[in-house]
Structures are given as C-alpha cells and as structure tokens.
C-alpha cells in the first residue's frame, strides 16, 4: 500500500472518529436543560468542531506535503 493511500486512510479514520465524538457531544448537549448549560455546551461544541477541523487540515497537509510525498 502506498504512503499516499495510507495517509488518506488515516485522514478518513481521524475524520470518522471526530464525527463520532461530535455526535456524542451533541447528544450530551441535548440532555442539558438550563439555557446557561446549553450555551456552555454550544461553545464547547464549536471549539471541538474547530479542533477537529484543524486536526483534519493538518492530516491533509501532511499527506500532501509530508516527508513521504
């Protein structure tokens, strides 16, 4: 298996894991009743989304420009 296909598999795996984390966080946020808790959960979800996007961006960058390209 080539290094490029390994990198794509890693990126897809990371994306899938992050998506599952986001789904779990969303389901936990829905169980919170008070508005202040919902606001905190919403900001936490936004931060997690930014982190997962940054993680995926890093993997994609390394897959294209990394040392094995």
PDB file of N, CA and C in Angstrom:
ATOM      1  N   UNK A   1       0.860  -1.177   0.000  1.00  0.00           N
ATOM      2  CA  UNK A   1       0.000   0.000   0.000  1.00  0.00           C
ATOM      3  C   UNK A   1       0.904   1.237   0.000  1.00  0.00           C
ATOM      4  N   UNK A   2       0.619   2.166  -0.852  1.00  0.00           N
ATOM      5  CA  UNK A   2       1.464   3.354  -0.967  1.00  0.00           C
ATOM      6  C   UNK A   2       1.254   4.289   0.220  1.00  0.00           C
ATOM      7  N   UNK A   3       2.224   5.152   0.415  1.00  0.00           N
ATOM      8  CA  UNK A   3       2.147   6.080   1.547  1.00  0.00           C
ATOM      9  C   UNK A   3       0.988   7.061   1.385  1.00  0.00           C
ATOM     10  N   UNK A   4       0.653   7.399   0.148  1.00  0.00           N
ATOM     11  CA  UNK A   4      -0.469   8.315  -0.083  1.00  0.00           C
ATOM     12  C   UNK A   4      -1.784   7.680   0.334  1.00  0.00           C
ATOM     13  N   UNK A   5      -1.975   6.416  -0.040  1.00  0.00           N
ATOM     14  CA  UNK A   5      -3.232   5.762   0.341  1.00  0.00           C
ATOM     15  C   UNK A   5      -3.296   5.535   1.846  1.00  0.00           C
ATOM     16  N   UNK A   6      -2.145   5.290   2.481  1.00  0.00           N
ATOM     17  CA  UNK A   6      -2.116   5.168   3.941  1.00  0.00           C
ATOM     18  C   UNK A   6      -2.507   6.489   4.597  1.00  0.00           C
ATOM     19  N   UNK A   7      -2.018   7.574   4.045  1.00  0.00           N
ATOM     20  CA  UNK A   7      -2.331   8.897   4.585  1.00  0.00           C
ATOM     21  C   UNK A   7      -3.822   9.193   4.442  1.00  0.00           C
ATOM     22  N   UNK A   8      -4.405   8.834   3.295  1.00  0.00           N
ATOM     23  CA  UNK A   8      -5.839   9.055   3.100  1.00  0.00           C
ATOM     24  C   UNK A   8      -6.658   8.200   4.054  1.00  0.00           C
ATOM     25  N   UNK A   9      -6.200   6.963   4.285  1.00  0.00           N
ATOM     26  CA  UNK A   9      -6.911   6.099   5.230  1.00  0.00           C
ATOM     27  C   UNK A   9      -6.842   6.676   6.636  1.00  0.00           C
ATOM     28  N   UNK A  10      -5.685   7.207   7.001  1.00  0.00           N
ATOM     29  CA  UNK A  10      -5.533   7.822   8.315  1.00  0.00           C
ATOM     30  C   UNK A  10      -6.424   9.049   8.437  1.00  0.00           C
ATOM     31  N   UNK A  11      -6.464   9.857   7.390  1.00  0.00           N
ATOM     32  CA  UNK A  11      -7.313  11.056   7.419  1.00  0.00           C
ATOM     33  C   UNK A  11      -8.784  10.681   7.536  1.00  0.00           C
ATOM     34  N   UNK A  12      -9.195   9.654   6.810  1.00  0.00           N
ATOM     35  CA  UNK A  12     -10.592   9.213   6.882  1.00  0.00           C
ATOM     36  C   UNK A  12     -10.913   8.661   8.254  1.00  0.00           C
ATOM     37  N   UNK A  13      -9.978   7.915   8.832  1.00  0.00           N
ATOM     38  CA  UNK A  13     -10.196   7.356  10.170  1.00  0.00           C
ATOM     39  C   UNK A  13     -10.325   8.458  11.210  1.00  0.00           C
ATOM     40  N   UNK A  14      -9.442   9.425  11.131  1.00  0.00           N
ATOM     41  CA  UNK A  14      -9.492  10.540  12.078  1.00  0.00           C
ATOM     42  C   UNK A  14     -10.791  11.316  11.910  1.00  0.00           C
ATOM     43  N   UNK A  15     -11.191  11.537  10.674  1.00  0.00           N
ATOM     44  CA  UNK A  15     -12.452  12.234  10.422  1.00  0.00           C
ATOM     45  C   UNK A  15     -13.637  11.478  10.988  1.00  0.00           C
ATOM     46  N   UNK A  16     -13.631  10.151  10.842  1.00  0.00           N
ATOM     47  CA  UNK A  16     -14.730   9.345  11.370  1.00  0.00           C
ATOM     48  C   UNK A  16     -14.772   9.401  12.889  1.00  0.00           C
ATOM     49  N   UNK A  17     -13.616   9.311  13.526  1.00  0.00           N
ATOM     50  CA  UNK A  17     -13.559   9.377  14.987  1.00  0.00           C
ATOM     51  C   UNK A  17     -14.038  10.734  15.481  1.00  0.00           C
ATOM     52  N   UNK A  18     -13.592  11.796  14.824  1.00  0.00           N
ATOM     53  CA  UNK A  18     -14.016  13.136  15.233  1.00  0.00           C
ATOM     54  C   UNK A  18     -15.518  13.322  15.034  1.00  0.00           C
ATOM     55  N   UNK A  19     -16.073  12.765  13.965  1.00  0.00           N
ATOM     56  CA  UNK A  19     -17.513  12.864  13.730  1.00  0.00           C
ATOM     57  C   UNK A  19     -18.287  12.136  14.830  1.00  0.00           C
ATOM     58  N   UNK A  20     -17.800  10.983  15.234  1.00  0.00           N
ATOM     59  CA  UNK A  20     -18.453  10.248  16.324  1.00  0.00           C
ATOM     60  C   UNK A  20     -18.366  11.016  17.638  1.00  0.00           C
ATOM     61  N   UNK A  21     -17.221  11.648  17.885  1.00  0.00           N
ATOM     62  CA  UNK A  21     -17.080  12.471  19.086  1.00  0.00           C
ATOM     63  C   UNK A  21     -18.092  13.615  19.066  1.00  0.00           C
ATOM     64  N   UNK A  22     -18.227  14.255  17.897  1.00  0.00           N
ATOM     65  CA  UNK A  22     -19.175  15.360  17.766  1.00  0.00           C
ATOM     66  C   UNK A  22     -20.600  14.891  18.007  1.00  0.00           C
ATOM     67  N   UNK A  23     -20.955  13.721  17.472  1.00  0.00           N
ATOM     68  CA  UNK A  23     -22.302  13.188  17.683  1.00  0.00           C
ATOM     69  C   UNK A  23     -22.541  12.924  19.154  1.00  0.00           C
ATOM     70  N   UNK A  24     -21.553  12.372  19.842  1.00  0.00           N
ATOM     71  CA  UNK A  24     -21.682  12.105  21.269  1.00  0.00           C
ATOM     72  C   UNK A  24     -21.853  13.411  22.038  1.00  0.00           C
ATOM     73  N   UNK A  25     -21.057  14.411  21.686  1.00  0.00           N
ATOM     74  CA  UNK A  25     -21.152  15.703  22.361  1.00  0.00           C
ATOM     75  C   UNK A  25     -22.510  16.335  22.138  1.00  0.00           C
ATOM     76  N   UNK A  26     -23.042  16.221  20.920  1.00  0.00           N
ATOM     77  CA  UNK A  26     -24.341  16.805  20.616  1.00  0.00           C
ATOM     78  C   UNK A  26     -25.436  16.113  21.417  1.00  0.00           C
ATOM     79  N   UNK A  27     -25.348  14.780  21.504  1.00  0.00           N
ATOM     80  CA  UNK A  27     -26.374  14.064  22.272  1.00  0.00           C
ATOM     81  C   UNK A  27     -26.283  14.419  23.748  1.00  0.00           C
ATOM     82  N   UNK A  28     -25.077  14.657  24.253  1.00  0.00           N
ATOM     83  CA  UNK A  28     -24.923  15.071  25.641  1.00  0.00           C
ATOM     84  C   UNK A  28     -25.444  16.489  25.830  1.00  0.00           C
ATOM     85  N   UNK A  29     -25.228  17.354  24.859  1.00  0.00           N
ATOM     86  CA  UNK A  29     -25.688  18.735  24.960  1.00  0.00           C
ATOM     87  C   UNK A  29     -27.206  18.803  24.977  1.00  0.00           C
ATOM     88  N   UNK A  30     -27.873  17.908  24.248  1.00  0.00           N
ATOM     89  CA  UNK A  30     -29.325  17.909  24.205  1.00  0.00           C
ATOM     90  C   UNK A  30     -29.932  17.515  25.545  1.00  0.00           C
ATOM     91  N   UNK A  31     -29.198  16.744  26.344  1.00  0.00           N
ATOM     92  CA  UNK A  31     -29.729  16.321  27.637  1.00  0.00           C
ATOM     93  C   UNK A  31     -29.636  17.425  28.682  1.00  0.00           C
ATOM     94  N   UNK A  32     -28.853  18.456  28.417  1.00  0.00           N
ATOM     95  CA  UNK A  32     -28.740  19.574  29.360  1.00  0.00           C
ATOM     96  C   UNK A  32     -29.953  20.488  29.220  1.00  0.00           C
ATOM     97  N   UNK A  33     -30.609  20.767  30.314  1.00  0.00           N
ATOM     98  CA  UNK A  33     -31.838  21.540  30.260  1.00  0.00           C
ATOM     99  C   UNK A  33     -31.628  23.054  30.373  1.00  0.00           C
ATOM    100  N   UNK A  34     -30.899  23.562  31.361  1.00  0.00           N
ATOM    101  CA  UNK A  34     -30.812  25.022  31.543  1.00  0.00           C
ATOM    102  C   UNK A  34     -30.160  25.727  30.359  1.00  0.00           C
ATOM    103  N   UNK A  35     -30.595  26.945  30.119  1.00  0.00           N
ATOM    104  CA  UNK A  35     -30.080  27.728  28.990  1.00  0.00           C
ATOM    105  C   UNK A  35     -28.590  28.003  29.144  1.00  0.00           C
ATOM    106  N   UNK A  36     -28.136  28.283  30.369  1.00  0.00           N
ATOM    107  CA  UNK A  36     -26.717  28.572  30.560  1.00  0.00           C
ATOM    108  C   UNK A  36     -25.877  27.343  30.258  1.00  0.00           C
ATOM    109  N   UNK A  37     -26.363  26.176  30.620  1.00  0.00           N
ATOM    110  CA  UNK A  37     -25.642  24.939  30.313  1.00  0.00           C
ATOM    111  C   UNK A  37     -25.619  24.703  28.813  1.00  0.00           C
ATOM    112  N   UNK A  38     -26.718  25.016  28.151  1.00  0.00           N
ATOM    113  CA  UNK A  38     -26.780  24.850  26.702  1.00  0.00           C
ATOM    114  C   UNK A  38     -25.803  25.797  26.012  1.00  0.00           C
ATOM    115  N   UNK A  39     -25.679  27.020  26.529  1.00  0.00           N
ATOM    116  CA  UNK A  39     -24.747  27.976  25.942  1.00  0.00           C
ATOM    117  C   UNK A  39     -23.308  27.505  26.117  1.00  0.00           C
ATOM    118  N   UNK A  40     -23.004  26.972  27.294  1.00  0.00           N
ATOM    119  CA  UNK A  40     -21.656  26.453  27.545  1.00  0.00           C
ATOM    120  C   UNK A  40     -21.391  25.260  26.639  1.00  0.00           C
ATOM    121  N   UNK A  41     -22.377  24.370  26.509  1.00  0.00           N
ATOM    122  CA  UNK A  41     -22.226  23.200  25.647  1.00  0.00           C
ATOM    123  C   UNK A  41     -22.067  23.617  24.196  1.00  0.00           C
ATOM    124  N   UNK A  42     -22.802  24.642  23.786  1.00  0.00           N
ATOM    125  CA  UNK A  42     -22.705  25.117  22.414  1.00  0.00           C
ATOM    126  C   UNK A  42     -21.311  25.664  22.119  1.00  0.00           C
ATOM    127  N   UNK A  43     -20.767  26.449  23.039  1.00  0.00           N
ATOM    128  CA  UNK A  43     -19.428  26.985  22.817  1.00  0.00           C
ATOM    129  C   UNK A  43     -18.390  25.859  22.851  1.00  0.00           C
ATOM    130  N   UNK A  44     -18.631  24.848  23.697  1.00  0.00           N
ATOM    131  CA  UNK A  44     -17.721  23.711  23.728  1.00  0.00           C
ATOM    132  C   UNK A  44     -17.785  22.943  22.417  1.00  0.00           C
ATOM    133  N   UNK A  45     -18.990  22.773  21.867  1.00  0.00           N
ATOM    134  CA  UNK A  45     -19.138  22.081  20.587  1.00  0.00           C
ATOM    135  C   UNK A  45     -18.439  22.840  19.467  1.00  0.00           C
ATOM    136  N   UNK A  46     -18.567  24.168  19.491  1.00  0.00           N
ATOM    137  CA  UNK A  46     -17.893  24.976  18.472  1.00  0.00           C
ATOM    138  C   UNK A  46     -16.384  24.798  18.559  1.00  0.00           C
ATOM    139  N   UNK A  47     -15.856  24.775  19.801  1.00  0.00           N
ATOM    140  CA  UNK A  47     -14.419  24.596  19.988  1.00  0.00           C
ATOM    141  C   UNK A  47     -13.982  23.217  19.512  1.00  0.00           C
ATOM    142  N   UNK A  48     -14.780  22.188  19.829  1.00  0.00           N
ATOM    143  CA  UNK A  48     -14.453  20.834  19.388  1.00  0.00           C
ATOM    144  C   UNK A  48     -14.487  20.737  17.865  1.00  0.00           C
ATOM    145  N   UNK A  49     -15.446  21.405  17.255  1.00  0.00           N
ATOM    146  CA  UNK A  49     -15.539  21.393  15.794  1.00  0.00           C
ATOM    147  C   UNK A  49     -14.311  22.062  15.178  1.00  0.00           C
ATOM    148  N   UNK A  50     -13.886  23.173  15.771  1.00  0.00           N
ATOM    149  CA  UNK A  50     -12.689  23.854  15.267  1.00  0.00           C
ATOM    150  C   UNK A  50     -11.458  22.976  15.436  1.00  0.00           C
ATOM    151  N   UNK A  51     -11.377  22.280  16.589  1.00  0.00           N
ATOM    152  CA  UNK A  51     -10.233  21.400  16.822  1.00  0.00           C
ATOM    153  C   UNK A  51     -10.216  20.242  15.834  1.00  0.00           C
ATOM    154  N   UNK A  52     -11.382  19.651  15.581  1.00  0.00           N
ATOM    155  CA  UNK A  52     -11.420  18.528  14.646  1.00  0.00           C
ATOM    156  C   UNK A  52     -11.114  18.987  13.227  1.00  0.00           C
ATOM    157  N   UNK A  53     -11.587  20.174  12.872  1.00  0.00           N
ATOM    158  CA  UNK A  53     -11.281  20.714  11.544  1.00  0.00           C
ATOM    159  C   UNK A  53      -9.784  20.971  11.409  1.00  0.00           C
ATOM    160  N   UNK A  54      -9.184  21.516  12.440  1.00  0.00           N
ATOM    161  CA  UNK A  54      -7.747  21.782  12.414  1.00  0.00           C
ATOM    162  C   UNK A  54      -6.963  20.463  12.331  1.00  0.00           C
ATOM    163  N   UNK A  55      -7.418  19.452  13.050  1.00  0.00           N
ATOM    164  CA  UNK A  55      -6.772  18.143  13.015  1.00  0.00           C
ATOM    165  C   UNK A  55      -6.840  17.543  11.615  1.00  0.00           C
ATOM    166  N   UNK A  56      -8.002  17.609  11.006  1.00  0.00           N
ATOM    167  CA  UNK A  56      -8.155  17.084   9.649  1.00  0.00           C
ATOM    168  C   UNK A  56      -7.316  17.886   8.658  1.00  0.00           C
ATOM    169  N   UNK A  57      -7.273  19.193   8.824  1.00  0.00           N
ATOM    170  CA  UNK A  57      -6.467  20.041   7.948  1.00  0.00           C
ATOM    171  C   UNK A  57      -4.984  19.663   8.052  1.00  0.00           C
ATOM    172  N   UNK A  58      -4.534  19.389   9.276  1.00  0.00           N
ATOM    173  CA  UNK A  58      -3.143  19.010   9.484  1.00  0.00           C
ATOM    174  C   UNK A  58      -2.835  17.672   8.806  1.00  0.00           C
ATOM    175  N   UNK A  59      -3.734  16.702   8.954  1.00  0.00           N
ATOM    176  CA  UNK A  59      -3.527  15.401   8.327  1.00  0.00           C
ATOM    177  C   UNK A  59      -3.484  15.541   6.816  1.00  0.00           C
ATOM    178  N   UNK A  60      -4.400  16.322   6.267  1.00  0.00           N
ATOM    179  CA  UNK A  60      -4.429  16.508   4.818  1.00  0.00           C
ATOM    180  C   UNK A  60      -3.151  17.201   4.332  1.00  0.00           C
ATOM    181  N   UNK A  61      -2.702  18.191   5.079  1.00  0.00           N
ATOM    182  CA  UNK A  61      -1.474  18.893   4.703  1.00  0.00           C
ATOM    183  C   UNK A  61      -0.293  17.927   4.701  1.00  0.00           C
ATOM    184  N   UNK A  62      -0.185  17.140   5.781  1.00  0.00           N
ATOM    185  CA  UNK A  62       0.940  16.217   5.873  1.00  0.00           C
ATOM    186  C   UNK A  62       0.864  15.125   4.813  1.00  0.00           C
ATOM    187  N   UNK A  63      -0.360  14.726   4.457  1.00  0.00           N
ATOM    188  CA  UNK A  63      -0.481  13.687   3.425  1.00  0.00           C
ATOM    189  C   UNK A  63      -0.028  14.219   2.064  1.00  0.00           C
ATOM    190  N   UNK A  64      -0.212  15.522   1.840  1.00  0.00           N
ATOM    191  CA  UNK A  64       0.184  16.099   0.550  1.00  0.00           C
ATOM    192  C   UNK A  64       1.631  16.583   0.558  1.00  0.00           C
ATOM    193  N   UNK A  65       2.085  17.147   1.680  1.00  0.00           N
ATOM    194  CA  UNK A  65       3.385  17.795   1.698  1.00  0.00           C
ATOM    195  C   UNK A  65       4.354  17.187   2.699  1.00  0.00           C
ATOM    196  N   UNK A  66       3.988  16.094   3.338  1.00  0.00           N
ATOM    197  CA  UNK A  66       4.817  15.487   4.359  1.00  0.00           C
ATOM    198  C   UNK A  66       6.116  14.908   3.820  1.00  0.00           C
ATOM    199  N   UNK A  67       6.908  14.327   4.695  1.00  0.00           N
ATOM    200  CA  UNK A  67       8.230  13.844   4.295  1.00  0.00           C
ATOM    201  C   UNK A  67       8.204  12.668   3.324  1.00  0.00           C
ATOM    202  N   UNK A  68       7.044  11.980   3.198  1.00  0.00           N
ATOM    203  CA  UNK A  68       6.985  10.804   2.336  1.00  0.00           C
ATOM    204  C   UNK A  68       6.313  11.081   0.993  1.00  0.00           C
ATOM    205  N   UNK A  69       6.008  12.329   0.729  1.00  0.00           N
ATOM    206  CA  UNK A  69       5.328  12.669  -0.540  1.00  0.00           C
ATOM    207  C   UNK A  69       6.268  12.546  -1.711  1.00  0.00           C
TER     208      UNK A  69
END
